[in-house]
Amino acid sequence: MALLGTLQTLKSQVCDFKFQRAFTYIEKLQDKNSAEYKTLVNTKVGECNKIVLDENCFVLEQAYITKDKEDCLFESHKKYIDIQYMFEGDEIMEVENVNNLLIETAYKEDLDYAKHAQSKNSSVLKIKENELAIFYPNDAHMPCIKIDENKKIIKAVFKILVNS
């Protein structure tokens, strides 16, 4: 089941050691004096930088413009758990059990990615700056949806190996 909240809240709820590396990195992203903060804050729209944290975890630091809901699709993963940390901006994300959705693009193992059609029954989450959402393999999620207007988002998406 997807989880949503601040770093402090989720650290108290998620006790699995495999999340520790990502949580520590998020703490660095919240420190305006850290090299990690200074790098991410300067990310330009369209950039996506992969940083390997260890053999079980990497982060994709990215910037983009939010979209209208009709331009978005659900995505799901089998090998990795997603932690989506909202560094700058806020957006809507929807979540639905992957078994309740129609497949648009079949699962591609090399990308650990499948696309799914939209759903009228999904749950809607508003993710604000400095909040994060954790999505497990059964949680198809549709990020990048604008709230009121299309705007720049800077996000760090952590990928944590399920079987680590």
N, C-alpha and C. Protein backbone atom coordinates (compact mmCIF):
# COMPACT_ATOMS: atom_id res chain seq x y z
N MET A 1 0.84 -1.18 0.00
CA MET A 1 0.00 0.00 0.00
C MET A 1 0.88 1.24 0.00
N ALA A 2 0.52 2.21 -0.82
CA ALA A 2 1.27 3.46 -0.93
C ALA A 2 1.25 4.21 0.41
N LEU A 3 2.34 4.92 0.66
CA LEU A 3 2.47 5.75 1.86
C LEU A 3 2.78 7.18 1.43
N LEU A 4 2.31 8.15 2.21
CA LEU A 4 2.49 9.56 1.89
C LEU A 4 2.78 10.33 3.17
N GLY A 5 3.69 11.30 3.10
CA GLY A 5 3.94 12.15 4.25
C GLY A 5 5.29 12.83 4.19
N THR A 6 5.68 13.39 5.31
CA THR A 6 6.99 14.01 5.42
C THR A 6 8.04 12.92 5.69
N LEU A 7 9.28 13.30 5.55
CA LEU A 7 10.36 12.35 5.82
C LEU A 7 10.27 11.83 7.24
N GLN A 8 10.07 12.70 8.21
CA GLN A 8 10.01 12.27 9.61
C GLN A 8 8.87 11.29 9.86
N THR A 9 7.73 11.56 9.27
CA THR A 9 6.57 10.67 9.44
C THR A 9 6.86 9.29 8.85
N LEU A 10 7.38 9.27 7.63
CA LEU A 10 7.60 7.98 6.98
C LEU A 10 8.76 7.21 7.60
N LYS A 11 9.77 7.92 8.10
CA LYS A 11 10.85 7.22 8.80
C LYS A 11 10.31 6.50 10.03
N SER A 12 9.31 7.05 10.68
CA SER A 12 8.74 6.41 11.86
C SER A 12 7.84 5.23 11.50
N GLN A 13 7.35 5.20 10.26
CA GLN A 13 6.44 4.14 9.83
C GLN A 13 7.12 3.01 9.08
N VAL A 14 8.24 3.31 8.44
CA VAL A 14 8.95 2.33 7.61
C VAL A 14 10.24 1.94 8.32
N CYS A 15 10.28 0.75 8.84
CA CYS A 15 11.44 0.32 9.63
C CYS A 15 12.39 -0.58 8.84
N ASP A 16 12.08 -0.85 7.59
CA ASP A 16 12.91 -1.72 6.78
C ASP A 16 14.24 -1.04 6.47
N PHE A 17 15.34 -1.71 6.76
CA PHE A 17 16.68 -1.14 6.61
C PHE A 17 16.98 -0.72 5.17
N LYS A 18 16.37 -1.37 4.19
CA LYS A 18 16.69 -1.06 2.79
C LYS A 18 16.28 0.37 2.40
N PHE A 19 15.44 1.02 3.19
CA PHE A 19 15.04 2.40 2.92
C PHE A 19 16.02 3.42 3.50
N GLN A 20 16.91 3.00 4.38
CA GLN A 20 17.77 3.91 5.11
C GLN A 20 18.64 4.77 4.19
N ARG A 21 19.20 4.16 3.16
CA ARG A 21 20.09 4.90 2.24
C ARG A 21 19.34 6.05 1.58
N ALA A 22 18.12 5.80 1.13
CA ALA A 22 17.30 6.84 0.51
C ALA A 22 16.92 7.91 1.52
N PHE A 23 16.52 7.52 2.73
CA PHE A 23 16.15 8.49 3.74
C PHE A 23 17.32 9.40 4.11
N THR A 24 18.51 8.83 4.20
CA THR A 24 19.70 9.62 4.51
C THR A 24 19.98 10.63 3.39
N TYR A 25 19.80 10.19 2.15
CA TYR A 25 20.03 11.09 1.01
C TYR A 25 19.00 12.22 1.01
N ILE A 26 17.75 11.92 1.34
CA ILE A 26 16.72 12.96 1.41
C ILE A 26 17.08 13.99 2.48
N GLU A 27 17.62 13.54 3.61
CA GLU A 27 18.08 14.48 4.64
C GLU A 27 19.12 15.44 4.08
N LYS A 28 20.01 14.92 3.23
CA LYS A 28 21.02 15.79 2.59
C LYS A 28 20.36 16.77 1.64
N LEU A 29 19.33 16.33 0.93
CA LEU A 29 18.62 17.22 0.01
C LEU A 29 17.89 18.34 0.75
N GLN A 30 17.57 18.12 2.01
CA GLN A 30 16.89 19.14 2.81
C GLN A 30 17.86 20.11 3.47
N ASP A 31 19.16 19.84 3.37
CA ASP A 31 20.20 20.70 3.95
C ASP A 31 20.73 21.64 2.87
N LYS A 32 20.37 22.92 2.95
CA LYS A 32 20.73 23.89 1.91
C LYS A 32 22.23 24.09 1.75
N ASN A 33 23.01 23.60 2.70
CA ASN A 33 24.47 23.72 2.60
C ASN A 33 25.12 22.48 1.98
N SER A 34 24.35 21.45 1.70
CA SER A 34 24.94 20.21 1.18
C SER A 34 25.17 20.30 -0.33
N ALA A 35 26.13 19.53 -0.79
CA ALA A 35 26.41 19.44 -2.23
C ALA A 35 25.21 18.84 -2.96
N GLU A 36 24.52 17.90 -2.33
CA GLU A 36 23.36 17.25 -2.95
C GLU A 36 22.24 18.27 -3.20
N TYR A 37 22.00 19.13 -2.21
CA TYR A 37 20.99 20.19 -2.37
C TYR A 37 21.38 21.12 -3.51
N LYS A 38 22.61 21.58 -3.49
CA LYS A 38 23.08 22.55 -4.49
C LYS A 38 23.02 21.99 -5.90
N THR A 39 23.26 20.70 -6.06
CA THR A 39 23.16 20.08 -7.38
C THR A 39 21.70 19.99 -7.82
N LEU A 40 20.83 19.50 -6.95
CA LEU A 40 19.44 19.29 -7.34
C LEU A 40 18.71 20.60 -7.59
N VAL A 41 18.97 21.62 -6.80
CA VAL A 41 18.27 22.89 -6.95
C VAL A 41 18.55 23.54 -8.31
N ASN A 42 19.66 23.17 -8.92
CA ASN A 42 20.04 23.73 -10.23
C ASN A 42 19.64 22.85 -11.41
N THR A 43 18.85 21.82 -11.16
CA THR A 43 18.41 20.93 -12.24
C THR A 43 17.47 21.69 -13.18
N LYS A 44 17.73 21.58 -14.45
CA LYS A 44 16.94 22.26 -15.49
C LYS A 44 15.83 21.33 -16.00
N VAL A 45 14.75 21.94 -16.48
CA VAL A 45 13.64 21.18 -17.05
C VAL A 45 14.16 20.27 -18.16
N GLY A 46 13.77 19.01 -18.11
CA GLY A 46 14.19 18.02 -19.09
C GLY A 46 15.39 17.20 -18.67
N GLU A 47 16.07 17.61 -17.61
CA GLU A 47 17.22 16.85 -17.12
C GLU A 47 16.75 15.71 -16.24
N CYS A 48 17.49 14.60 -16.31
CA CYS A 48 17.27 13.47 -15.42
C CYS A 48 18.63 12.82 -15.19
N ASN A 49 19.11 12.91 -13.97
CA ASN A 49 20.44 12.40 -13.62
C ASN A 49 20.31 11.21 -12.68
N LYS A 50 20.96 10.11 -13.06
CA LYS A 50 20.93 8.89 -12.24
C LYS A 50 22.16 8.86 -11.34
N ILE A 51 21.92 8.64 -10.05
CA ILE A 51 22.99 8.52 -9.06
C ILE A 51 22.80 7.20 -8.33
N VAL A 52 23.80 6.33 -8.42
CA VAL A 52 23.74 5.04 -7.75
C VAL A 52 24.20 5.23 -6.31
N LEU A 53 23.34 4.88 -5.36
CA LEU A 53 23.67 5.03 -3.94
C LEU A 53 24.32 3.77 -3.38
N ASP A 54 23.87 2.61 -3.82
CA ASP A 54 24.50 1.33 -3.50
C ASP A 54 23.93 0.28 -4.44
N GLU A 55 24.25 -0.98 -4.24
CA GLU A 55 23.82 -2.03 -5.17
C GLU A 55 22.31 -2.27 -5.16
N ASN A 56 21.61 -1.73 -4.17
CA ASN A 56 20.17 -1.94 -4.05
C ASN A 56 19.33 -0.68 -4.21
N CYS A 57 19.99 0.46 -4.46
CA CYS A 57 19.26 1.73 -4.47
C CYS A 57 19.94 2.74 -5.38
N PHE A 58 19.12 3.40 -6.21
CA PHE A 58 19.62 4.53 -6.98
C PHE A 58 18.54 5.62 -6.99
N VAL A 59 18.94 6.82 -7.39
CA VAL A 59 18.02 7.95 -7.43
C VAL A 59 18.08 8.60 -8.81
N LEU A 60 16.92 9.01 -9.29
CA LEU A 60 16.81 9.78 -10.52
C LEU A 60 16.42 11.20 -10.12
N GLU A 61 17.34 12.13 -10.30
CA GLU A 61 17.07 13.54 -10.00
C GLU A 61 16.60 14.19 -11.29
N GLN A 62 15.42 14.80 -11.24
CA GLN A 62 14.80 15.26 -12.48
C GLN A 62 14.00 16.54 -12.29
N ALA A 63 13.80 17.24 -13.41
CA ALA A 63 12.94 18.42 -13.43
C ALA A 63 12.06 18.35 -14.68
N TYR A 64 10.83 18.76 -14.53
CA TYR A 64 9.87 18.73 -15.64
C TYR A 64 8.74 19.69 -15.34
N ILE A 65 7.87 19.85 -16.32
CA ILE A 65 6.67 20.68 -16.18
C ILE A 65 5.49 19.73 -15.99
N THR A 66 4.65 20.03 -14.99
CA THR A 66 3.46 19.20 -14.77
C THR A 66 2.56 19.23 -16.00
N LYS A 67 1.66 18.24 -16.06
CA LYS A 67 0.82 18.07 -17.25
C LYS A 67 -0.65 18.05 -16.86
N ASP A 68 -1.49 18.20 -17.87
CA ASP A 68 -2.92 17.96 -17.69
C ASP A 68 -3.12 16.47 -17.46
N LYS A 69 -4.11 16.12 -16.66
CA LYS A 69 -4.34 14.72 -16.32
C LYS A 69 -4.51 13.84 -17.56
N GLU A 70 -5.21 14.33 -18.56
CA GLU A 70 -5.46 13.50 -19.74
C GLU A 70 -4.19 13.16 -20.52
N ASP A 71 -3.10 13.84 -20.22
CA ASP A 71 -1.81 13.56 -20.87
C ASP A 71 -0.93 12.60 -20.06
N CYS A 72 -1.47 12.06 -18.99
CA CYS A 72 -0.69 11.19 -18.10
C CYS A 72 -1.22 9.75 -18.14
N LEU A 73 -0.37 8.81 -17.76
CA LEU A 73 -0.74 7.40 -17.64
C LEU A 73 -0.22 6.85 -16.32
N PHE A 74 -0.86 5.79 -15.87
CA PHE A 74 -0.34 5.07 -14.71
C PHE A 74 0.91 4.30 -15.10
N GLU A 75 1.82 4.15 -14.17
CA GLU A 75 3.01 3.32 -14.35
C GLU A 75 3.11 2.36 -13.18
N SER A 76 3.76 1.23 -13.43
CA SER A 76 4.01 0.29 -12.35
C SER A 76 5.36 -0.36 -12.55
N HIS A 77 5.88 -0.92 -11.47
CA HIS A 77 7.20 -1.55 -11.46
C HIS A 77 7.11 -2.86 -10.70
N LYS A 78 7.96 -3.81 -11.04
CA LYS A 78 7.98 -5.09 -10.34
C LYS A 78 9.24 -5.27 -9.50
N LYS A 79 10.36 -4.78 -9.98
CA LYS A 79 11.65 -5.01 -9.30
C LYS A 79 11.97 -3.96 -8.25
N TYR A 80 11.41 -2.77 -8.41
CA TYR A 80 11.79 -1.65 -7.53
C TYR A 80 10.59 -1.02 -6.85
N ILE A 81 10.81 -0.56 -5.64
CA ILE A 81 9.88 0.29 -4.89
C ILE A 81 10.27 1.72 -5.23
N ASP A 82 9.29 2.57 -5.49
CA ASP A 82 9.54 4.00 -5.76
C ASP A 82 9.36 4.82 -4.50
N ILE A 83 10.31 5.71 -4.26
CA ILE A 83 10.10 6.80 -3.31
C ILE A 83 10.19 8.07 -4.13
N GLN A 84 9.10 8.82 -4.20
CA GLN A 84 9.09 10.06 -4.97
C GLN A 84 9.11 11.22 -3.98
N TYR A 85 10.25 11.91 -3.95
CA TYR A 85 10.44 13.04 -3.03
C TYR A 85 10.28 14.35 -3.79
N MET A 86 9.34 15.16 -3.37
CA MET A 86 9.05 16.43 -4.02
C MET A 86 9.97 17.51 -3.45
N PHE A 87 11.02 17.81 -4.20
CA PHE A 87 12.02 18.79 -3.77
C PHE A 87 11.52 20.22 -3.96
N GLU A 88 10.93 20.49 -5.12
CA GLU A 88 10.42 21.84 -5.40
C GLU A 88 9.11 21.72 -6.16
N GLY A 89 8.09 22.41 -5.68
CA GLY A 89 6.79 22.40 -6.32
C GLY A 89 5.85 21.39 -5.68
N ASP A 90 4.67 21.28 -6.26
CA ASP A 90 3.69 20.31 -5.79
C ASP A 90 2.88 19.84 -6.98
N GLU A 91 2.37 18.62 -6.87
CA GLU A 91 1.63 18.02 -7.97
C GLU A 91 0.62 17.03 -7.42
N ILE A 92 -0.24 16.60 -8.30
CA ILE A 92 -1.18 15.53 -7.97
C ILE A 92 -0.60 14.22 -8.49
N MET A 93 -0.74 13.18 -7.68
CA MET A 93 -0.42 11.83 -8.09
C MET A 93 -1.66 10.99 -7.80
N GLU A 94 -1.94 10.07 -8.68
CA GLU A 94 -3.04 9.14 -8.42
C GLU A 94 -2.45 7.76 -8.21
N VAL A 95 -3.14 6.94 -7.45
CA VAL A 95 -2.66 5.59 -7.16
C VAL A 95 -3.84 4.62 -7.24
N GLU A 96 -3.54 3.42 -7.76
CA GLU A 96 -4.56 2.39 -7.92
C GLU A 96 -3.87 1.03 -7.88
N ASN A 97 -4.55 0.03 -7.37
CA ASN A 97 -3.99 -1.31 -7.41
C ASN A 97 -3.77 -1.71 -8.86
N VAL A 98 -2.59 -2.20 -9.15
CA VAL A 98 -2.21 -2.54 -10.53
C VAL A 98 -3.18 -3.55 -11.16
N ASN A 99 -3.78 -4.41 -10.36
CA ASN A 99 -4.69 -5.43 -10.88
C ASN A 99 -6.03 -4.85 -11.33
N ASN A 100 -6.31 -3.60 -11.00
CA ASN A 100 -7.57 -2.96 -11.38
C ASN A 100 -7.46 -2.15 -12.67
N LEU A 101 -6.29 -2.16 -13.30
CA LEU A 101 -6.06 -1.30 -14.46
C LEU A 101 -5.81 -2.09 -15.73
N LEU A 102 -6.18 -1.51 -16.86
CA LEU A 102 -5.89 -2.09 -18.16
C LEU A 102 -4.48 -1.72 -18.57
N ILE A 103 -3.76 -2.64 -19.18
CA ILE A 103 -2.39 -2.41 -19.61
C ILE A 103 -2.38 -1.65 -20.93
N GLU A 104 -1.63 -0.56 -20.98
CA GLU A 104 -1.43 0.21 -22.22
C GLU A 104 -0.15 -0.25 -22.91
N THR A 105 0.92 -0.38 -22.11
CA THR A 105 2.21 -0.87 -22.61
C THR A 105 2.65 -1.99 -21.71
N ALA A 106 2.87 -3.16 -22.28
CA ALA A 106 3.25 -4.34 -21.49
C ALA A 106 4.53 -4.10 -20.72
N TYR A 107 4.68 -4.82 -19.63
CA TYR A 107 5.86 -4.71 -18.77
C TYR A 107 7.12 -4.98 -19.56
N LYS A 108 8.10 -4.09 -19.40
CA LYS A 108 9.41 -4.24 -20.02
C LYS A 108 10.42 -4.47 -18.90
N GLU A 109 10.92 -5.69 -18.82
CA GLU A 109 11.80 -6.06 -17.72
C GLU A 109 13.06 -5.21 -17.66
N ASP A 110 13.64 -4.89 -18.81
CA ASP A 110 14.88 -4.11 -18.81
C ASP A 110 14.67 -2.70 -18.26
N LEU A 111 13.46 -2.16 -18.36
CA LEU A 111 13.14 -0.84 -17.83
C LEU A 111 12.37 -0.91 -16.50
N ASP A 112 11.94 -2.11 -16.12
CA ASP A 112 11.08 -2.32 -14.94
C ASP A 112 9.91 -1.34 -14.98
N TYR A 113 9.13 -1.46 -16.06
CA TYR A 113 8.14 -0.43 -16.31
C TYR A 113 7.00 -0.98 -17.15
N ALA A 114 5.78 -0.68 -16.74
CA ALA A 114 4.59 -0.93 -17.54
C ALA A 114 3.72 0.31 -17.46
N LYS A 115 2.96 0.58 -18.51
CA LYS A 115 2.03 1.71 -18.52
C LYS A 115 0.61 1.16 -18.50
N HIS A 116 -0.26 1.90 -17.79
CA HIS A 116 -1.65 1.47 -17.63
C HIS A 116 -2.59 2.63 -17.95
N ALA A 117 -3.78 2.29 -18.39
CA ALA A 117 -4.81 3.28 -18.69
C ALA A 117 -5.29 3.97 -17.41
N GLN A 118 -5.87 5.13 -17.59
CA GLN A 118 -6.42 5.86 -16.46
C GLN A 118 -7.61 5.13 -15.87
N SER A 119 -7.95 5.49 -14.65
CA SER A 119 -9.05 4.85 -13.92
C SER A 119 -9.93 5.92 -13.29
N LYS A 120 -11.22 5.65 -13.24
CA LYS A 120 -12.15 6.57 -12.57
C LYS A 120 -12.21 6.30 -11.07
N ASN A 121 -11.59 5.20 -10.63
CA ASN A 121 -11.70 4.80 -9.23
C ASN A 121 -10.41 4.97 -8.44
N SER A 122 -9.42 5.63 -9.01
CA SER A 122 -8.13 5.77 -8.33
C SER A 122 -8.21 6.77 -7.18
N SER A 123 -7.26 6.65 -6.27
CA SER A 123 -7.14 7.60 -5.16
C SER A 123 -6.25 8.75 -5.61
N VAL A 124 -6.60 9.96 -5.15
CA VAL A 124 -5.89 11.16 -5.55
C VAL A 124 -5.07 11.67 -4.37
N LEU A 125 -3.78 11.91 -4.63
CA LEU A 125 -2.86 12.43 -3.61
C LEU A 125 -2.31 13.77 -4.06
N LYS A 126 -2.28 14.73 -3.17
CA LYS A 126 -1.62 16.00 -3.45
C LYS A 126 -0.28 15.96 -2.71
N ILE A 127 0.79 15.91 -3.48
CA ILE A 127 2.13 15.82 -2.90
C ILE A 127 2.74 17.22 -2.91
N LYS A 128 3.02 17.74 -1.73
CA LYS A 128 3.54 19.10 -1.60
C LYS A 128 5.06 19.07 -1.44
N GLU A 129 5.65 20.23 -1.64
CA GLU A 129 7.10 20.37 -1.49
C GLU A 129 7.55 19.80 -0.15
N ASN A 130 8.64 19.04 -0.20
CA ASN A 130 9.24 18.36 0.96
C ASN A 130 8.44 17.17 1.48
N GLU A 131 7.46 16.72 0.72
CA GLU A 131 6.75 15.49 1.06
C GLU A 131 7.22 14.39 0.12
N LEU A 132 6.92 13.15 0.49
CA LEU A 132 7.28 12.04 -0.36
C LEU A 132 6.17 11.00 -0.35
N ALA A 133 6.18 10.21 -1.41
CA ALA A 133 5.24 9.11 -1.53
C ALA A 133 6.05 7.85 -1.83
N ILE A 134 5.67 6.76 -1.20
CA ILE A 134 6.31 5.47 -1.43
C ILE A 134 5.30 4.58 -2.15
N PHE A 135 5.71 4.03 -3.30
CA PHE A 135 4.85 3.17 -4.09
C PHE A 135 5.49 1.79 -4.20
N TYR A 136 4.75 0.77 -3.79
CA TYR A 136 5.20 -0.62 -3.85
C TYR A 136 4.77 -1.22 -5.20
N PRO A 137 5.24 -2.40 -5.54
CA PRO A 137 4.92 -2.98 -6.85
C PRO A 137 3.42 -3.09 -7.18
N ASN A 138 2.57 -3.26 -6.21
CA ASN A 138 1.13 -3.33 -6.49
C ASN A 138 0.49 -1.96 -6.66
N ASP A 139 1.25 -0.90 -6.39
CA ASP A 139 0.73 0.47 -6.46
C ASP A 139 1.04 1.10 -7.81
N ALA A 140 0.14 0.94 -8.77
CA ALA A 140 0.31 1.70 -10.00
C ALA A 140 0.11 3.17 -9.64
N HIS A 141 0.95 4.03 -10.18
CA HIS A 141 0.88 5.44 -9.81
C HIS A 141 0.99 6.31 -11.05
N MET A 142 0.31 7.46 -10.98
CA MET A 142 0.30 8.40 -12.08
C MET A 142 0.75 9.76 -11.52
N PRO A 143 2.05 10.06 -11.64
CA PRO A 143 2.57 11.34 -11.17
C PRO A 143 2.47 12.41 -12.25
N CYS A 144 2.98 13.58 -11.95
CA CYS A 144 3.17 14.67 -12.93
C CYS A 144 1.91 15.46 -13.25
N ILE A 145 0.83 15.27 -12.52
CA ILE A 145 -0.43 15.95 -12.84
C ILE A 145 -0.43 17.35 -12.20
N LYS A 146 -0.77 18.34 -13.01
CA LYS A 146 -0.81 19.72 -12.51
C LYS A 146 -1.91 19.88 -11.47
N ILE A 147 -1.72 20.86 -10.58
CA ILE A 147 -2.77 21.18 -9.61
C ILE A 147 -3.69 22.25 -10.19
N ASP A 148 -3.18 23.45 -10.38
CA ASP A 148 -3.98 24.51 -10.98
C ASP A 148 -3.42 24.94 -12.34
N GLU A 149 -2.11 24.94 -12.42
CA GLU A 149 -1.46 25.35 -13.66
C GLU A 149 -0.20 24.52 -13.85
N ASN A 150 0.25 24.43 -15.09
CA ASN A 150 1.47 23.69 -15.38
C ASN A 150 2.64 24.48 -14.81
N LYS A 151 3.51 23.79 -14.03
CA LYS A 151 4.66 24.47 -13.46
C LYS A 151 5.82 23.52 -13.29
N LYS A 152 6.98 24.10 -13.05
CA LYS A 152 8.21 23.32 -12.90
C LYS A 152 8.20 22.54 -11.59
N ILE A 153 8.62 21.29 -11.70
CA ILE A 153 8.78 20.41 -10.55
C ILE A 153 10.23 19.94 -10.54
N ILE A 154 10.82 19.90 -9.37
CA ILE A 154 12.11 19.22 -9.19
C ILE A 154 11.85 18.09 -8.20
N LYS A 155 12.24 16.89 -8.60
CA LYS A 155 11.91 15.70 -7.83
C LYS A 155 13.10 14.75 -7.80
N ALA A 156 13.21 14.00 -6.72
CA ALA A 156 14.17 12.90 -6.63
C ALA A 156 13.35 11.62 -6.49
N VAL A 157 13.52 10.72 -7.46
CA VAL A 157 12.80 9.45 -7.45
C VAL A 157 13.80 8.35 -7.12
N PHE A 158 13.62 7.76 -5.96
CA PHE A 158 14.50 6.69 -5.50
C PHE A 158 13.93 5.35 -5.93
N LYS A 159 14.78 4.47 -6.36
CA LYS A 159 14.40 3.12 -6.75
C LYS A 159 15.11 2.15 -5.80
N ILE A 160 14.30 1.42 -5.04
CA ILE A 160 14.83 0.50 -4.05
C ILE A 160 14.48 -0.93 -4.46
N LEU A 161 15.49 -1.75 -4.62
CA LEU A 161 15.29 -3.13 -5.05
C LEU A 161 14.37 -3.85 -4.06
N VAL A 162 13.34 -4.50 -4.58
CA VAL A 162 12.36 -5.18 -3.73
C VAL A 162 13.02 -6.31 -2.94
N ASN A 163 13.81 -7.12 -3.59
CA ASN A 163 14.41 -8.29 -2.94
C ASN A 163 15.84 -8.03 -2.48
N SER A 164 16.03 -6.97 -1.72
CA SER A 164 17.39 -6.67 -1.23
C SER A 164 17.52 -7.02 0.23
